[in-house]
């Protein structure tokens, strides 16, 4: 007996949901944090953090420093 194959059929009624940044929150850098770890935990990129915080190409951050991160309109975007 042949195995049925799944063939996805596009549904024109489905609209992809793309989260759009609607604001920002401020996080405080902790000892040991890096832009990479913050970006990963906040669902963003190092480049986005650099641009949003006017860091240029620098990746230097310091404990106690405050960084802005985008929040999303779908209740997403909180850092962990």
PDB file of N, CA and C in Angstrom:
ATOM      1  N   UNK A   1       0.850  -1.167   0.000  1.00  0.00           N
ATOM      2  CA  UNK A   1       0.000   0.000   0.000  1.00  0.00           C
ATOM      3  C   UNK A   1       0.904   1.242   0.000  1.00  0.00           C
ATOM      4  N   UNK A   2       0.740   2.156  -0.949  1.00  0.00           N
ATOM      5  CA  UNK A   2       1.587   3.351  -0.996  1.00  0.00           C
ATOM      6  C   UNK A   2       1.266   4.309   0.145  1.00  0.00           C
ATOM      7  N   UNK A   3       2.291   5.002   0.564  1.00  0.00           N
ATOM      8  CA  UNK A   3       2.132   6.004   1.628  1.00  0.00           C
ATOM      9  C   UNK A   3       1.619   7.292   0.993  1.00  0.00           C
ATOM     10  N   UNK A   4       0.521   7.841   1.522  1.00  0.00           N
ATOM     11  CA  UNK A   4       0.021   9.094   0.958  1.00  0.00           C
ATOM     12  C   UNK A   4       1.052  10.209   1.172  1.00  0.00           C
ATOM     13  N   UNK A   5       1.214  11.015   0.162  1.00  0.00           N
ATOM     14  CA  UNK A   5       2.144  12.148   0.259  1.00  0.00           C
ATOM     15  C   UNK A   5       1.361  13.421   0.557  1.00  0.00           C
ATOM     16  N   UNK A   6       1.954  14.222   1.400  1.00  0.00           N
ATOM     17  CA  UNK A   6       1.353  15.502   1.724  1.00  0.00           C
ATOM     18  C   UNK A   6       1.837  16.527   0.704  1.00  0.00           C
ATOM     19  N   UNK A   7       0.913  17.168   0.070  1.00  0.00           N
ATOM     20  CA  UNK A   7       1.252  18.197  -0.907  1.00  0.00           C
ATOM     21  C   UNK A   7       0.559  19.484  -0.483  1.00  0.00           C
ATOM     22  N   UNK A   8       1.323  20.399   0.137  1.00  0.00           N
ATOM     23  CA  UNK A   8       0.678  21.631   0.610  1.00  0.00           C
ATOM     24  C   UNK A   8       0.105  22.432  -0.555  1.00  0.00           C
ATOM     25  N   UNK A   9      -1.107  22.873  -0.369  1.00  0.00           N
ATOM     26  CA  UNK A   9      -1.758  23.698  -1.367  1.00  0.00           C
ATOM     27  C   UNK A   9      -1.879  25.107  -0.803  1.00  0.00           C
ATOM     28  N   UNK A  10      -1.361  26.104  -1.515  1.00  0.00           N
ATOM     29  CA  UNK A  10      -1.471  27.473  -1.011  1.00  0.00           C
ATOM     30  C   UNK A  10      -2.923  27.868  -0.813  1.00  0.00           C
ATOM     31  N   UNK A  11      -3.187  28.537   0.260  1.00  0.00           N
ATOM     32  CA  UNK A  11      -4.522  29.023   0.553  1.00  0.00           C
ATOM     33  C   UNK A  11      -4.508  30.537   0.417  1.00  0.00           C
ATOM     34  N   UNK A  12      -5.159  31.085  -0.612  1.00  0.00           N
ATOM     35  CA  UNK A  12      -5.103  32.531  -0.832  1.00  0.00           C
ATOM     36  C   UNK A  12      -5.777  33.332   0.270  1.00  0.00           C
ATOM     37  N   UNK A  13      -6.561  32.688   1.123  1.00  0.00           N
ATOM     38  CA  UNK A  13      -7.222  33.403   2.216  1.00  0.00           C
ATOM     39  C   UNK A  13      -6.322  33.573   3.429  1.00  0.00           C
ATOM     40  N   UNK A  14      -5.208  32.845   3.483  1.00  0.00           N
ATOM     41  CA  UNK A  14      -4.298  32.970   4.610  1.00  0.00           C
ATOM     42  C   UNK A  14      -3.346  34.133   4.365  1.00  0.00           C
ATOM     43  N   UNK A  15      -3.222  34.976   5.335  1.00  0.00           N
ATOM     44  CA  UNK A  15      -2.318  36.118   5.239  1.00  0.00           C
ATOM     45  C   UNK A  15      -1.208  35.908   6.255  1.00  0.00           C
ATOM     46  N   UNK A  16       0.045  35.947   5.818  1.00  0.00           N
ATOM     47  CA  UNK A  16       1.127  35.764   6.789  1.00  0.00           C
ATOM     48  C   UNK A  16       1.148  36.911   7.799  1.00  0.00           C
ATOM     49  N   UNK A  17       1.399  36.556   9.035  1.00  0.00           N
ATOM     50  CA  UNK A  17       1.494  37.553  10.096  1.00  0.00           C
ATOM     51  C   UNK A  17       2.964  37.858  10.313  1.00  0.00           C
ATOM     52  N   UNK A  18       3.305  39.108  10.100  1.00  0.00           N
ATOM     53  CA  UNK A  18       4.682  39.551  10.297  1.00  0.00           C
ATOM     54  C   UNK A  18       4.673  40.527  11.467  1.00  0.00           C
ATOM     55  N   UNK A  19       5.336  40.163  12.575  1.00  0.00           N
ATOM     56  CA  UNK A  19       5.336  41.073  13.716  1.00  0.00           C
ATOM     57  C   UNK A  19       6.044  42.382  13.359  1.00  0.00           C
ATOM     58  N   UNK A  20       5.439  43.482  13.732  1.00  0.00           N
ATOM     59  CA  UNK A  20       6.010  44.791  13.441  1.00  0.00           C
ATOM     60  C   UNK A  20       6.331  45.481  14.763  1.00  0.00           C
ATOM     61  N   UNK A  21       7.572  45.989  14.894  1.00  0.00           N
ATOM     62  CA  UNK A  21       7.916  46.708  16.123  1.00  0.00           C
ATOM     63  C   UNK A  21       6.977  47.889  16.338  1.00  0.00           C
ATOM     64  N   UNK A  22       6.437  47.996  17.529  1.00  0.00           N
ATOM     65  CA  UNK A  22       5.494  49.080  17.821  1.00  0.00           C
ATOM     66  C   UNK A  22       6.004  50.007  18.907  1.00  0.00           C
ATOM     67  N   UNK A  23       7.109  49.686  19.497  1.00  0.00           N
ATOM     68  CA  UNK A  23       7.650  50.501  20.565  1.00  0.00           C
ATOM     69  C   UNK A  23       8.965  49.908  21.017  1.00  0.00           C
ATOM     70  N   UNK A  24       9.392  50.311  22.184  1.00  0.00           N
ATOM     71  CA  UNK A  24      10.627  49.741  22.710  1.00  0.00           C
ATOM     72  C   UNK A  24      10.576  49.693  24.216  1.00  0.00           C
ATOM     73  N   UNK A  25      11.423  48.858  24.765  1.00  0.00           N
ATOM     74  CA  UNK A  25      11.628  48.821  26.203  1.00  0.00           C
ATOM     75  C   UNK A  25      13.125  48.966  26.442  1.00  0.00           C
ATOM     76  N   UNK A  26      13.474  49.224  27.660  1.00  0.00           N
ATOM     77  CA  UNK A  26      14.873  49.420  28.026  1.00  0.00           C
ATOM     78  C   UNK A  26      15.312  48.262  28.899  1.00  0.00           C
ATOM     79  N   UNK A  27      16.465  47.700  28.579  1.00  0.00           N
ATOM     80  CA  UNK A  27      17.026  46.651  29.419  1.00  0.00           C
ATOM     81  C   UNK A  27      18.344  47.157  29.997  1.00  0.00           C
ATOM     82  N   UNK A  28      18.731  46.611  31.125  1.00  0.00           N
ATOM     83  CA  UNK A  28      20.003  46.957  31.757  1.00  0.00           C
ATOM     84  C   UNK A  28      20.971  45.812  31.519  1.00  0.00           C
ATOM     85  N   UNK A  29      22.134  46.136  30.984  1.00  0.00           N
ATOM     86  CA  UNK A  29      23.152  45.131  30.694  1.00  0.00           C
ATOM     87  C   UNK A  29      23.665  44.559  32.007  1.00  0.00           C
ATOM     88  N   UNK A  30      23.739  43.247  32.078  1.00  0.00           N
ATOM     89  CA  UNK A  30      24.256  42.557  33.264  1.00  0.00           C
ATOM     90  C   UNK A  30      25.683  42.097  33.005  1.00  0.00           C
ATOM     91  N   UNK A  31      26.456  41.866  34.070  1.00  0.00           N
ATOM     92  CA  UNK A  31      27.810  41.342  33.866  1.00  0.00           C
ATOM     93  C   UNK A  31      27.752  40.047  33.049  1.00  0.00           C
ATOM     94  N   UNK A  32      28.596  39.949  32.053  1.00  0.00           N
ATOM     95  CA  UNK A  32      28.646  38.767  31.211  1.00  0.00           C
ATOM     96  C   UNK A  32      27.789  38.842  29.962  1.00  0.00           C
ATOM     97  N   UNK A  33      26.863  39.835  29.913  1.00  0.00           N
ATOM     98  CA  UNK A  33      26.052  39.994  28.697  1.00  0.00           C
ATOM     99  C   UNK A  33      26.911  40.459  27.536  1.00  0.00           C
ATOM    100  N   UNK A  34      26.543  40.018  26.343  1.00  0.00           N
ATOM    101  CA  UNK A  34      27.147  40.502  25.108  1.00  0.00           C
ATOM    102  C   UNK A  34      26.007  40.930  24.195  1.00  0.00           C
ATOM    103  N   UNK A  35      26.323  41.690  23.160  1.00  0.00           N
ATOM    104  CA  UNK A  35      25.277  42.054  22.210  1.00  0.00           C
ATOM    105  C   UNK A  35      24.670  40.808  21.587  1.00  0.00           C
ATOM    106  N   UNK A  36      25.506  39.809  21.352  1.00  0.00           N
ATOM    107  CA  UNK A  36      25.019  38.564  20.763  1.00  0.00           C
ATOM    108  C   UNK A  36      24.025  37.873  21.690  1.00  0.00           C
ATOM    109  N   UNK A  37      24.352  37.780  22.975  1.00  0.00           N
ATOM    110  CA  UNK A  37      23.444  37.101  23.911  1.00  0.00           C
ATOM    111  C   UNK A  37      22.153  37.893  24.100  1.00  0.00           C
ATOM    112  N   UNK A  38      22.256  39.207  24.119  1.00  0.00           N
ATOM    113  CA  UNK A  38      21.056  40.039  24.262  1.00  0.00           C
ATOM    114  C   UNK A  38      20.193  39.914  23.012  1.00  0.00           C
ATOM    115  N   UNK A  39      20.815  40.002  21.837  1.00  0.00           N
ATOM    116  CA  UNK A  39      20.064  39.883  20.581  1.00  0.00           C
ATOM    117  C   UNK A  39      19.347  38.541  20.509  1.00  0.00           C
ATOM    118  N   UNK A  40      20.043  37.475  20.874  1.00  0.00           N
ATOM    119  CA  UNK A  40      19.454  36.140  20.844  1.00  0.00           C
ATOM    120  C   UNK A  40      18.270  36.049  21.803  1.00  0.00           C
ATOM    121  N   UNK A  41      18.432  36.573  22.997  1.00  0.00           N
ATOM    122  CA  UNK A  41      17.371  36.505  23.997  1.00  0.00           C
ATOM    123  C   UNK A  41      16.191  37.403  23.699  1.00  0.00           C
ATOM    124  N   UNK A  42      16.411  38.411  22.850  1.00  0.00           N
ATOM    125  CA  UNK A  42      15.343  39.366  22.527  1.00  0.00           C
ATOM    126  C   UNK A  42      14.751  39.135  21.147  1.00  0.00           C
ATOM    127  N   UNK A  43      15.245  38.107  20.447  1.00  0.00           N
ATOM    128  CA  UNK A  43      14.697  37.812  19.130  1.00  0.00           C
ATOM    129  C   UNK A  43      15.046  38.846  18.081  1.00  0.00           C
ATOM    130  N   UNK A  44      16.242  39.393  18.157  1.00  0.00           N
ATOM    131  CA  UNK A  44      16.673  40.397  17.191  1.00  0.00           C
ATOM    132  C   UNK A  44      18.090  40.076  16.737  1.00  0.00           C
ATOM    133  N   UNK A  45      18.747  41.019  16.118  1.00  0.00           N
ATOM    134  CA  UNK A  45      20.117  40.816  15.656  1.00  0.00           C
ATOM    135  C   UNK A  45      21.036  41.827  16.306  1.00  0.00           C
ATOM    136  N   UNK A  46      22.328  41.500  16.281  1.00  0.00           N
ATOM    137  CA  UNK A  46      23.330  42.439  16.796  1.00  0.00           C
ATOM    138  C   UNK A  46      23.253  43.739  16.005  1.00  0.00           C
ATOM    139  N   UNK A  47      23.138  43.634  14.681  1.00  0.00           N
ATOM    140  CA  UNK A  47      23.076  44.832  13.831  1.00  0.00           C
ATOM    141  C   UNK A  47      21.888  45.720  14.196  1.00  0.00           C
ATOM    142  N   UNK A  48      20.741  45.111  14.499  1.00  0.00           N
ATOM    143  CA  UNK A  48      19.564  45.896  14.883  1.00  0.00           C
ATOM    144  C   UNK A  48      19.794  46.601  16.215  1.00  0.00           C
ATOM    145  N   UNK A  49      20.401  45.905  17.185  1.00  0.00           N
ATOM    146  CA  UNK A  49      20.712  46.540  18.475  1.00  0.00           C
ATOM    147  C   UNK A  49      21.689  47.691  18.293  1.00  0.00           C
ATOM    148  N   UNK A  50      22.723  47.473  17.477  1.00  0.00           N
ATOM    149  CA  UNK A  50      23.706  48.527  17.226  1.00  0.00           C
ATOM    150  C   UNK A  50      23.041  49.760  16.619  1.00  0.00           C
ATOM    151  N   UNK A  51      22.193  49.539  15.626  1.00  0.00           N
ATOM    152  CA  UNK A  51      21.537  50.662  14.952  1.00  0.00           C
ATOM    153  C   UNK A  51      20.563  51.382  15.879  1.00  0.00           C
ATOM    154  N   UNK A  52      19.750  50.633  16.604  1.00  0.00           N
ATOM    155  CA  UNK A  52      18.721  51.220  17.460  1.00  0.00           C
ATOM    156  C   UNK A  52      19.329  51.971  18.638  1.00  0.00           C
ATOM    157  N   UNK A  53      20.534  51.587  19.053  1.00  0.00           N
ATOM    158  CA  UNK A  53      21.185  52.223  20.200  1.00  0.00           C
ATOM    159  C   UNK A  53      22.353  53.122  19.798  1.00  0.00           C
ATOM    160  N   UNK A  54      22.455  53.440  18.502  1.00  0.00           N
ATOM    161  CA  UNK A  54      23.505  54.334  18.000  1.00  0.00           C
ATOM    162  C   UNK A  54      24.903  53.885  18.423  1.00  0.00           C
ATOM    163  N   UNK A  55      25.170  52.581  18.309  1.00  0.00           N
ATOM    164  CA  UNK A  55      26.475  52.048  18.708  1.00  0.00           C
ATOM    165  C   UNK A  55      27.468  52.001  17.554  1.00  0.00           C
ATOM    166  N   UNK A  56      27.027  52.324  16.346  1.00  0.00           N
ATOM    167  CA  UNK A  56      27.905  52.191  15.186  1.00  0.00           C
ATOM    168  C   UNK A  56      28.263  50.726  15.003  1.00  0.00           C
ATOM    169  N   UNK A  57      29.524  50.468  14.708  1.00  0.00           N
ATOM    170  CA  UNK A  57      29.953  49.077  14.525  1.00  0.00           C
ATOM    171  C   UNK A  57      30.516  48.475  15.814  1.00  0.00           C
ATOM    172  N   UNK A  58      30.478  49.243  16.893  1.00  0.00           N
ATOM    173  CA  UNK A  58      31.025  48.773  18.167  1.00  0.00           C
ATOM    174  C   UNK A  58      30.162  47.670  18.766  1.00  0.00           C
ATOM    175  N   UNK A  59      30.821  46.689  19.347  1.00  0.00           N
ATOM    176  CA  UNK A  59      30.093  45.650  20.086  1.00  0.00           C
ATOM    177  C   UNK A  59      30.378  45.761  21.584  1.00  0.00           C
ATOM    178  N   UNK A  60      31.053  46.834  21.986  1.00  0.00           N
ATOM    179  CA  UNK A  60      31.400  47.019  23.399  1.00  0.00           C
ATOM    180  C   UNK A  60      30.181  47.527  24.172  1.00  0.00           C
ATOM    181  N   UNK A  61      29.796  46.778  25.187  1.00  0.00           N
ATOM    182  CA  UNK A  61      28.754  47.205  26.120  1.00  0.00           C
ATOM    183  C   UNK A  61      29.259  46.934  27.528  1.00  0.00           C
ATOM    184  N   UNK A  62      28.671  47.606  28.495  1.00  0.00           N
ATOM    185  CA  UNK A  62      29.164  47.524  29.871  1.00  0.00           C
ATOM    186  C   UNK A  62      28.023  47.265  30.833  1.00  0.00           C
ATOM    187  N   UNK A  63      28.318  46.529  31.896  1.00  0.00           N
ATOM    188  CA  UNK A  63      27.322  46.256  32.933  1.00  0.00           C
ATOM    189  C   UNK A  63      26.767  47.575  33.450  1.00  0.00           C
ATOM    190  N   UNK A  64      25.458  47.625  33.581  1.00  0.00           N
ATOM    191  CA  UNK A  64      24.789  48.828  34.055  1.00  0.00           C
ATOM    192  C   UNK A  64      24.304  49.728  32.926  1.00  0.00           C
ATOM    193  N   UNK A  65      24.840  49.535  31.733  1.00  0.00           N
ATOM    194  CA  UNK A  65      24.419  50.322  30.578  1.00  0.00           C
ATOM    195  C   UNK A  65      22.982  49.964  30.212  1.00  0.00           C
ATOM    196  N   UNK A  66      22.251  50.936  29.734  1.00  0.00           N
ATOM    197  CA  UNK A  66      20.861  50.705  29.318  1.00  0.00           C
ATOM    198  C   UNK A  66      20.798  50.655  27.801  1.00  0.00           C
ATOM    199  N   UNK A  67      20.128  49.624  27.297  1.00  0.00           N
ATOM    200  CA  UNK A  67      19.936  49.461  25.866  1.00  0.00           C
ATOM    201  C   UNK A  67      18.449  49.408  25.553  1.00  0.00           C
ATOM    202  N   UNK A  68      18.074  49.986  24.426  1.00  0.00           N
ATOM    203  CA  UNK A  68      16.688  49.920  23.971  1.00  0.00           C
ATOM    204  C   UNK A  68      16.526  48.695  23.079  1.00  0.00           C
ATOM    205  N   UNK A  69      15.410  48.001  23.243  1.00  0.00           N
ATOM    206  CA  UNK A  69      15.066  46.864  22.386  1.00  0.00           C
ATOM    207  C   UNK A  69      13.627  47.056  21.925  1.00  0.00           C
ATOM    208  N   UNK A  70      13.370  46.663  20.669  1.00  0.00           N
ATOM    209  CA  UNK A  70      12.025  46.786  20.117  1.00  0.00           C
ATOM    210  C   UNK A  70      11.065  45.847  20.823  1.00  0.00           C
ATOM    211  N   UNK A  71       9.812  46.296  20.943  1.00  0.00           N
ATOM    212  CA  UNK A  71       8.736  45.404  21.366  1.00  0.00           C
ATOM    213  C   UNK A  71       7.784  45.281  20.190  1.00  0.00           C
ATOM    214  N   UNK A  72       7.059  44.196  20.138  1.00  0.00           N
ATOM    215  CA  UNK A  72       6.207  43.917  18.992  1.00  0.00           C
ATOM    216  C   UNK A  72       4.737  44.005  19.346  1.00  0.00           C
ATOM    217  N   UNK A  73       3.945  44.345  18.371  1.00  0.00           N
ATOM    218  CA  UNK A  73       2.512  44.540  18.566  1.00  0.00           C
ATOM    219  C   UNK A  73       1.740  43.286  18.921  1.00  0.00           C
ATOM    220  N   UNK A  74       2.337  42.116  18.766  1.00  0.00           N
ATOM    221  CA  UNK A  74       1.625  40.876  19.071  1.00  0.00           C
ATOM    222  C   UNK A  74       1.907  40.376  20.479  1.00  0.00           C
ATOM    223  N   UNK A  75       2.430  41.249  21.325  1.00  0.00           N
ATOM    224  CA  UNK A  75       2.756  40.842  22.674  1.00  0.00           C
ATOM    225  C   UNK A  75       4.072  40.086  22.732  1.00  0.00           C
ATOM    226  N   UNK A  76       4.830  40.137  21.658  1.00  0.00           N
ATOM    227  CA  UNK A  76       6.118  39.450  21.587  1.00  0.00           C
ATOM    228  C   UNK A  76       7.241  40.467  21.780  1.00  0.00           C
ATOM    229  N   UNK A  77       8.450  39.976  21.886  1.00  0.00           N
ATOM    230  CA  UNK A  77       9.589  40.869  21.913  1.00  0.00           C
ATOM    231  C   UNK A  77      10.154  41.112  23.294  1.00  0.00           C
ATOM    232  N   UNK A  78       9.672  40.403  24.266  1.00  0.00           N
ATOM    233  CA  UNK A  78      10.249  40.545  25.587  1.00  0.00           C
ATOM    234  C   UNK A  78      11.532  39.725  25.641  1.00  0.00           C
ATOM    235  N   UNK A  79      12.515  40.242  26.315  1.00  0.00           N
ATOM    236  CA  UNK A  79      13.805  39.558  26.395  1.00  0.00           C
ATOM    237  C   UNK A  79      13.797  38.558  27.535  1.00  0.00           C
ATOM    238  N   UNK A  80      14.585  37.521  27.353  1.00  0.00           N
ATOM    239  CA  UNK A  80      14.717  36.530  28.428  1.00  0.00           C
ATOM    240  C   UNK A  80      16.167  36.149  28.573  1.00  0.00           C
TER     241      UNK A  80
END
